[in-house]
Amino acid sequence: MIRDIMTDTRFLSRKAEPAGPEDAQAAADLLETLAAHREGCVGMAANMIGINKRIIAFACEGQYMVMYNPEIVKKSGPYETEEGCLSLPGIRKVRRWKSVKVRYRNEAFQTRFKTFTGWTAQIIQHEIDHCEGILI
């Protein structure tokens, strides 16, 4: 189901609760909502659609990827950039990392580790910030 985009900064500032296998429908809704906004959005966290769970979805190599309970476990190459967000007006300056290694659970709820670089790494960092209640 395509859901409305959350703009309430009090809700968005809350740290997300851990996700479990029972949150598969929330992930499906997140993917549908992301696809509906593909013209202006490359990633979303569940709190952006009003679900306070630690789930993110993002564009990666031409397809969408979902992560449950993502955590950055290693990072390198800091840089400054600017980002926008569907949930917030305007563009803001942020500090990101060129490379991040992420521990997460896949859709089968298996623990995985993967290193991402460049644009994809930046998207993931933005969405994990959402899970932490960090607004750009």
Protein backbone atom coordinates (compact mmCIF):
# COMPACT_ATOMS: atom_id res chain seq x y z
CA MET A 1 0.00 0.00 0.00
CA ILE A 2 1.27 3.47 -0.87
CA ARG A 3 1.33 5.52 2.32
CA ASP A 4 1.44 9.25 3.00
CA ILE A 5 4.82 10.83 3.70
CA MET A 6 5.29 11.75 7.37
CA THR A 7 6.30 15.35 7.99
CA ASP A 8 5.81 15.55 11.78
CA THR A 9 9.33 16.26 13.06
CA ARG A 10 8.43 15.10 16.59
CA PHE A 11 7.59 11.64 15.22
CA LEU A 12 10.57 11.63 12.84
CA SER A 13 12.91 12.54 15.73
CA ARG A 14 12.08 9.36 17.66
CA LYS A 15 14.54 6.49 17.52
CA ALA A 16 12.98 3.57 15.63
CA GLU A 17 12.15 0.27 17.34
CA PRO A 18 13.87 -2.93 16.13
CA ALA A 19 12.06 -4.66 13.28
CA GLY A 20 11.13 -8.34 13.20
CA PRO A 21 9.84 -10.83 10.62
CA GLU A 22 6.30 -9.72 11.53
CA ASP A 23 7.10 -6.34 9.92
CA ALA A 24 7.21 -7.72 6.37
CA GLN A 25 4.03 -5.80 5.42
CA ALA A 26 5.60 -2.56 6.62
CA ALA A 27 8.61 -3.27 4.36
CA ALA A 28 6.27 -3.99 1.43
CA ASP A 29 4.44 -0.70 2.03
CA LEU A 30 7.80 1.08 2.22
CA LEU A 31 8.85 -0.35 -1.15
CA GLU A 32 5.54 0.58 -2.79
CA THR A 33 5.70 4.11 -1.42
CA LEU A 34 9.32 4.50 -2.53
CA ALA A 35 8.44 3.28 -6.03
CA ALA A 36 5.54 5.77 -6.18
CA HIS A 37 8.01 8.59 -5.41
CA ARG A 38 10.86 7.32 -7.62
CA GLU A 39 10.98 10.58 -9.59
CA GLY A 40 12.24 12.52 -6.56
CA CYS A 41 13.36 9.93 -4.02
CA VAL A 42 16.02 7.20 -3.92
CA GLY A 43 15.55 5.91 -0.37
CA MET A 44 13.12 5.80 2.54
CA ALA A 45 13.00 4.72 6.14
CA ALA A 46 9.84 3.26 7.67
CA ASN A 47 9.30 6.27 9.91
CA MET A 48 8.86 8.37 6.76
CA ILE A 49 5.59 6.47 6.19
CA GLY A 50 4.51 6.60 9.83
CA ILE A 51 5.92 3.24 10.98
CA ASN A 52 8.45 3.55 13.80
CA LYS A 53 10.45 0.45 12.89
CA ARG A 54 14.09 0.11 11.87
CA ILE A 55 13.53 -0.69 8.17
CA ILE A 56 15.01 1.08 5.16
CA ALA A 57 14.54 0.69 1.39
CA PHE A 58 16.72 2.26 -1.29
CA ALA A 59 17.79 2.15 -4.91
CA CYS A 60 20.87 -0.01 -5.44
CA GLU A 61 22.28 -0.99 -8.84
CA GLY A 62 19.00 -0.55 -10.68
CA GLN A 63 16.73 -2.28 -8.17
CA TYR A 64 15.36 -1.70 -4.70
CA MET A 65 16.90 -3.23 -1.60
CA VAL A 66 15.36 -3.59 1.87
CA MET A 67 17.31 -3.77 5.12
CA TYR A 68 15.93 -4.63 8.52
CA ASN A 69 17.80 -3.25 11.55
CA PRO A 70 20.71 -1.75 9.58
CA GLU A 71 23.77 -0.55 11.48
CA ILE A 72 26.97 0.98 10.16
CA VAL A 73 29.86 -1.03 11.60
CA LYS A 74 32.72 0.59 9.67
CA LYS A 75 33.11 3.88 7.79
CA SER A 76 35.86 5.73 5.97
CA GLY A 77 36.46 8.81 3.85
CA PRO A 78 34.49 11.66 5.42
CA TYR A 79 33.15 14.43 3.18
CA GLU A 80 30.66 17.29 3.25
CA THR A 81 27.61 17.39 0.95
CA GLU A 82 24.04 18.63 0.72
CA GLU A 83 20.85 16.56 0.88
CA GLY A 84 17.13 16.95 0.66
CA CYS A 85 14.38 14.77 2.12
CA LEU A 86 10.74 14.13 1.21
CA SER A 87 9.81 14.58 4.87
CA LEU A 88 11.52 17.96 5.27
CA PRO A 89 11.58 21.16 3.21
CA GLY A 90 14.79 22.47 1.69
CA ILE A 91 18.36 21.28 1.30
CA ARG A 92 20.79 20.94 4.20
CA LYS A 93 24.53 20.42 4.62
CA VAL A 94 25.60 17.06 6.08
CA ARG A 95 28.75 15.06 6.75
CA ARG A 96 28.85 11.62 5.13
CA TRP A 97 31.34 8.80 4.55
CA LYS A 98 32.51 7.58 1.12
CA SER A 99 32.43 3.95 2.26
CA VAL A 100 30.26 2.22 4.87
CA LYS A 101 30.08 -1.39 5.96
CA VAL A 102 26.56 -2.27 7.10
CA ARG A 103 25.28 -5.12 9.25
CA TYR A 104 21.60 -5.80 8.55
CA ARG A 105 18.99 -8.50 8.17
CA ASN A 106 17.69 -9.33 4.73
CA GLU A 107 14.09 -10.16 3.79
CA ALA A 108 14.62 -13.77 4.99
CA PHE A 109 15.84 -12.22 8.26
CA GLN A 110 19.36 -13.57 7.82
CA THR A 111 22.21 -11.40 9.13
CA ARG A 112 24.34 -9.97 6.35
CA PHE A 113 27.31 -7.62 6.04
CA LYS A 114 27.94 -5.54 2.93
CA THR A 115 30.17 -2.60 2.07
CA PHE A 116 28.68 0.23 0.02
CA THR A 117 30.47 3.17 -1.58
CA GLY A 118 29.63 6.45 -3.25
CA TRP A 119 26.04 7.49 -3.88
CA THR A 120 24.55 4.27 -2.49
CA ALA A 121 26.54 4.68 0.73
CA GLN A 122 25.23 8.23 1.05
CA ILE A 123 21.62 7.10 0.62
CA ILE A 124 22.03 4.38 3.25
CA GLN A 125 23.56 6.84 5.74
CA HIS A 126 20.62 9.22 5.27
CA GLU A 127 18.09 6.44 5.88
CA ILE A 128 19.95 5.04 8.90
CA ASP A 129 19.95 8.57 10.32
CA HIS A 130 16.15 8.44 10.03
CA CYS A 131 16.16 5.20 12.06
CA GLU A 132 18.20 6.97 14.73
CA GLY A 133 15.80 9.92 14.83
CA ILE A 134 18.43 12.19 13.24
CA LEU A 135 16.99 14.78 10.88
CA ILE A 136 19.25 16.46 8.33
